[in-house]
Each structure stands twice: as C-alpha cells, then as structure tokens.
Amino acid sequence: LSAEWRLLGPDSRYRWFCVRASLLETAGPREWLGTCTDVDDMRGLQDRQRLLLSELQHRVRNILSVVRA
C-alpha cells in the first residue's frame, strides 16, 4: 500500500502525508508494517520548483522570439 493524503492537523491546517504499508510474511496471523510520513514541506518545494521552471520556459521562449525577429 502506498498513498498520499491531506490530513487535518491539530492547528486546523491540512498537511500532506505519505502512507506506506506492506504485508509481513509470517506463519501466524497477517501483520502489516507501515509508516506515515509528513511530506507537506517536500510537496510545497516541488510546487515551487514547477512554478519556477514554467517561468523560466516562458522567459526563454520570449528571448528566442526576440532573437528570431
């Protein structure tokens, strides 16, 4: 299992969490081992990186248009 969800925190803010779990191979009853990791900061940085990349592409296209003209 691997999924990302937004969860409401105690400060009434939504934050992104990555949940991962896997089934353990045991002879007894089924057991799961998993983690829940706060990835809100990482997602914010990725969003900022996408924004900067699109701005850079826009500026490069403008420069190439001026050079062609």
N, C-alpha and C. Protein backbone atom coordinates (compact mmCIF):
# COMPACT_ATOMS: atom_id res chain seq x y z
N LEU A 1 0.85 -1.17 0.00
CA LEU A 1 0.00 0.00 0.00
C LEU A 1 0.89 1.23 0.00
N SER A 2 0.60 2.16 -0.87
CA SER A 2 1.32 3.43 -0.91
C SER A 2 0.34 4.50 -1.38
N ALA A 3 0.16 5.55 -0.58
CA ALA A 3 -0.79 6.60 -0.93
C ALA A 3 -0.39 7.91 -0.26
N GLU A 4 -0.86 9.02 -0.83
CA GLU A 4 -0.66 10.34 -0.22
C GLU A 4 -2.02 10.97 0.02
N TRP A 5 -2.18 11.51 1.22
CA TRP A 5 -3.44 12.14 1.63
C TRP A 5 -3.16 13.45 2.33
N ARG A 6 -4.17 14.31 2.27
CA ARG A 6 -4.14 15.53 3.08
C ARG A 6 -4.92 15.24 4.36
N LEU A 7 -4.30 15.50 5.48
CA LEU A 7 -4.95 15.27 6.77
C LEU A 7 -5.01 16.58 7.54
N LEU A 8 -6.09 16.74 8.28
CA LEU A 8 -6.28 17.93 9.10
C LEU A 8 -5.51 17.78 10.40
N GLY A 9 -4.63 18.72 10.66
CA GLY A 9 -3.80 18.66 11.86
C GLY A 9 -4.45 19.37 13.04
N PRO A 10 -3.81 19.32 14.19
CA PRO A 10 -4.35 19.95 15.39
C PRO A 10 -4.44 21.47 15.29
N ASP A 11 -3.68 22.06 14.35
CA ASP A 11 -3.70 23.51 14.15
C ASP A 11 -4.73 23.93 13.10
N SER A 12 -5.64 23.00 12.74
CA SER A 12 -6.70 23.24 11.75
C SER A 12 -6.16 23.55 10.36
N ARG A 13 -4.97 23.05 10.06
CA ARG A 13 -4.36 23.17 8.73
C ARG A 13 -4.26 21.79 8.11
N TYR A 14 -4.47 21.72 6.81
CA TYR A 14 -4.28 20.47 6.10
C TYR A 14 -2.82 20.31 5.71
N ARG A 15 -2.29 19.11 5.91
CA ARG A 15 -0.92 18.80 5.55
C ARG A 15 -0.92 17.49 4.77
N TRP A 16 0.05 17.35 3.86
CA TRP A 16 0.18 16.14 3.05
C TRP A 16 0.98 15.09 3.82
N PHE A 17 0.48 13.85 3.78
CA PHE A 17 1.15 12.72 4.40
C PHE A 17 1.27 11.58 3.39
N CYS A 18 2.39 10.88 3.44
CA CYS A 18 2.61 9.70 2.62
C CYS A 18 2.46 8.48 3.53
N VAL A 19 1.56 7.60 3.16
CA VAL A 19 1.31 6.39 3.95
C VAL A 19 1.80 5.20 3.14
N ARG A 20 2.64 4.38 3.76
CA ARG A 20 3.14 3.17 3.11
C ARG A 20 3.03 2.01 4.09
N ALA A 21 2.60 0.88 3.57
CA ALA A 21 2.48 -0.31 4.39
C ALA A 21 2.72 -1.54 3.53
N SER A 22 3.22 -2.57 4.16
CA SER A 22 3.42 -3.84 3.45
C SER A 22 3.07 -4.99 4.38
N LEU A 23 2.62 -6.05 3.77
CA LEU A 23 2.22 -7.24 4.50
C LEU A 23 3.46 -8.05 4.85
N LEU A 24 3.59 -8.42 6.11
CA LEU A 24 4.72 -9.23 6.54
C LEU A 24 4.40 -10.69 6.28
N GLU A 25 5.39 -11.40 5.78
CA GLU A 25 5.23 -12.83 5.51
C GLU A 25 5.51 -13.59 6.80
N THR A 26 4.47 -13.96 7.52
CA THR A 26 4.63 -14.72 8.76
C THR A 26 3.72 -15.94 8.70
N ALA A 27 4.06 -16.93 9.50
CA ALA A 27 3.25 -18.15 9.53
C ALA A 27 1.96 -17.94 10.33
N GLY A 28 1.98 -16.97 11.20
CA GLY A 28 0.82 -16.70 12.06
C GLY A 28 -0.19 -15.80 11.39
N PRO A 29 -0.90 -15.04 12.18
CA PRO A 29 -1.90 -14.11 11.62
C PRO A 29 -1.24 -13.03 10.76
N ARG A 30 -2.02 -12.47 9.87
CA ARG A 30 -1.49 -11.42 8.99
C ARG A 30 -1.09 -10.20 9.81
N GLU A 31 0.09 -9.68 9.47
CA GLU A 31 0.60 -8.49 10.15
C GLU A 31 1.05 -7.48 9.09
N TRP A 32 0.82 -6.21 9.39
CA TRP A 32 1.21 -5.14 8.49
C TRP A 32 2.27 -4.29 9.17
N LEU A 33 3.21 -3.81 8.38
CA LEU A 33 4.22 -2.89 8.86
C LEU A 33 4.11 -1.64 8.00
N GLY A 34 3.97 -0.48 8.63
CA GLY A 34 3.77 0.72 7.84
C GLY A 34 4.30 1.98 8.49
N THR A 35 4.33 3.04 7.69
CA THR A 35 4.75 4.35 8.16
C THR A 35 3.79 5.42 7.64
N CYS A 36 3.77 6.52 8.33
CA CYS A 36 3.01 7.69 7.90
C CYS A 36 3.97 8.88 8.03
N THR A 37 4.37 9.43 6.89
CA THR A 37 5.40 10.47 6.85
C THR A 37 4.81 11.79 6.39
N ASP A 38 5.14 12.86 7.11
CA ASP A 38 4.71 14.20 6.72
C ASP A 38 5.55 14.66 5.53
N VAL A 39 4.91 14.84 4.37
CA VAL A 39 5.62 15.26 3.15
C VAL A 39 5.14 16.63 2.67
N ASP A 40 4.51 17.39 3.55
CA ASP A 40 3.95 18.69 3.17
C ASP A 40 5.02 19.66 2.69
N ASP A 41 6.14 19.73 3.40
CA ASP A 41 7.22 20.64 3.00
C ASP A 41 7.80 20.24 1.65
N MET A 42 7.99 18.94 1.43
CA MET A 42 8.53 18.47 0.17
C MET A 42 7.58 18.79 -0.98
N ARG A 43 6.28 18.59 -0.79
CA ARG A 43 5.32 18.91 -1.85
C ARG A 43 5.30 20.41 -2.13
N GLY A 44 5.42 21.23 -1.10
CA GLY A 44 5.48 22.67 -1.31
C GLY A 44 6.71 23.08 -2.13
N LEU A 45 7.85 22.45 -1.83
CA LEU A 45 9.06 22.73 -2.60
C LEU A 45 8.93 22.27 -4.04
N GLN A 46 8.29 21.12 -4.26
CA GLN A 46 8.09 20.64 -5.63
C GLN A 46 7.16 21.57 -6.41
N ASP A 47 6.12 22.07 -5.76
CA ASP A 47 5.21 23.02 -6.42
C ASP A 47 5.97 24.30 -6.80
N ARG A 48 6.82 24.78 -5.89
CA ARG A 48 7.61 25.98 -6.17
C ARG A 48 8.57 25.73 -7.32
N GLN A 49 9.17 24.55 -7.36
CA GLN A 49 10.10 24.21 -8.44
C GLN A 49 9.38 24.17 -9.78
N ARG A 50 8.17 23.61 -9.82
CA ARG A 50 7.39 23.58 -11.06
C ARG A 50 7.06 25.00 -11.53
N LEU A 51 6.71 25.87 -10.59
CA LEU A 51 6.39 27.25 -10.92
C LEU A 51 7.60 27.97 -11.51
N LEU A 52 8.76 27.79 -10.87
CA LEU A 52 9.98 28.43 -11.37
C LEU A 52 10.37 27.89 -12.74
N LEU A 53 10.20 26.60 -12.96
CA LEU A 53 10.52 26.01 -14.25
C LEU A 53 9.61 26.56 -15.35
N SER A 54 8.33 26.69 -15.07
CA SER A 54 7.42 27.23 -16.09
C SER A 54 7.74 28.70 -16.38
N GLU A 55 8.14 29.46 -15.36
CA GLU A 55 8.53 30.85 -15.57
C GLU A 55 9.80 30.92 -16.43
N LEU A 56 10.75 30.04 -16.16
CA LEU A 56 11.98 30.00 -16.94
C LEU A 56 11.68 29.65 -18.40
N GLN A 57 10.83 28.67 -18.63
CA GLN A 57 10.47 28.29 -20.00
C GLN A 57 9.81 29.46 -20.73
N HIS A 58 8.95 30.18 -20.05
CA HIS A 58 8.28 31.34 -20.64
C HIS A 58 9.30 32.40 -21.05
N ARG A 59 10.24 32.69 -20.17
CA ARG A 59 11.24 33.71 -20.48
C ARG A 59 12.15 33.28 -21.64
N VAL A 60 12.52 32.00 -21.66
CA VAL A 60 13.39 31.51 -22.75
C VAL A 60 12.65 31.61 -24.07
N ARG A 61 11.36 31.25 -24.09
CA ARG A 61 10.58 31.38 -25.33
C ARG A 61 10.54 32.83 -25.80
N ASN A 62 10.36 33.75 -24.87
CA ASN A 62 10.34 35.18 -25.23
C ASN A 62 11.68 35.61 -25.81
N ILE A 63 12.77 35.20 -25.21
CA ILE A 63 14.10 35.56 -25.70
C ILE A 63 14.33 34.99 -27.09
N LEU A 64 13.92 33.72 -27.30
CA LEU A 64 14.10 33.12 -28.63
C LEU A 64 13.25 33.84 -29.68
N SER A 65 12.10 34.30 -29.31
CA SER A 65 11.25 35.06 -30.25
C SER A 65 11.92 36.37 -30.65
N VAL A 66 12.56 37.03 -29.69
CA VAL A 66 13.26 38.30 -29.99
C VAL A 66 14.46 38.02 -30.90
N VAL A 67 15.18 36.95 -30.63
CA VAL A 67 16.35 36.61 -31.44
C VAL A 67 15.93 36.28 -32.87
N ARG A 68 14.84 35.53 -33.03
CA ARG A 68 14.35 35.18 -34.38
C ARG A 68 13.91 36.41 -35.16
N ALA A 69 13.31 37.38 -34.45
CA ALA A 69 12.82 38.59 -35.12
C ALA A 69 14.01 39.43 -35.54
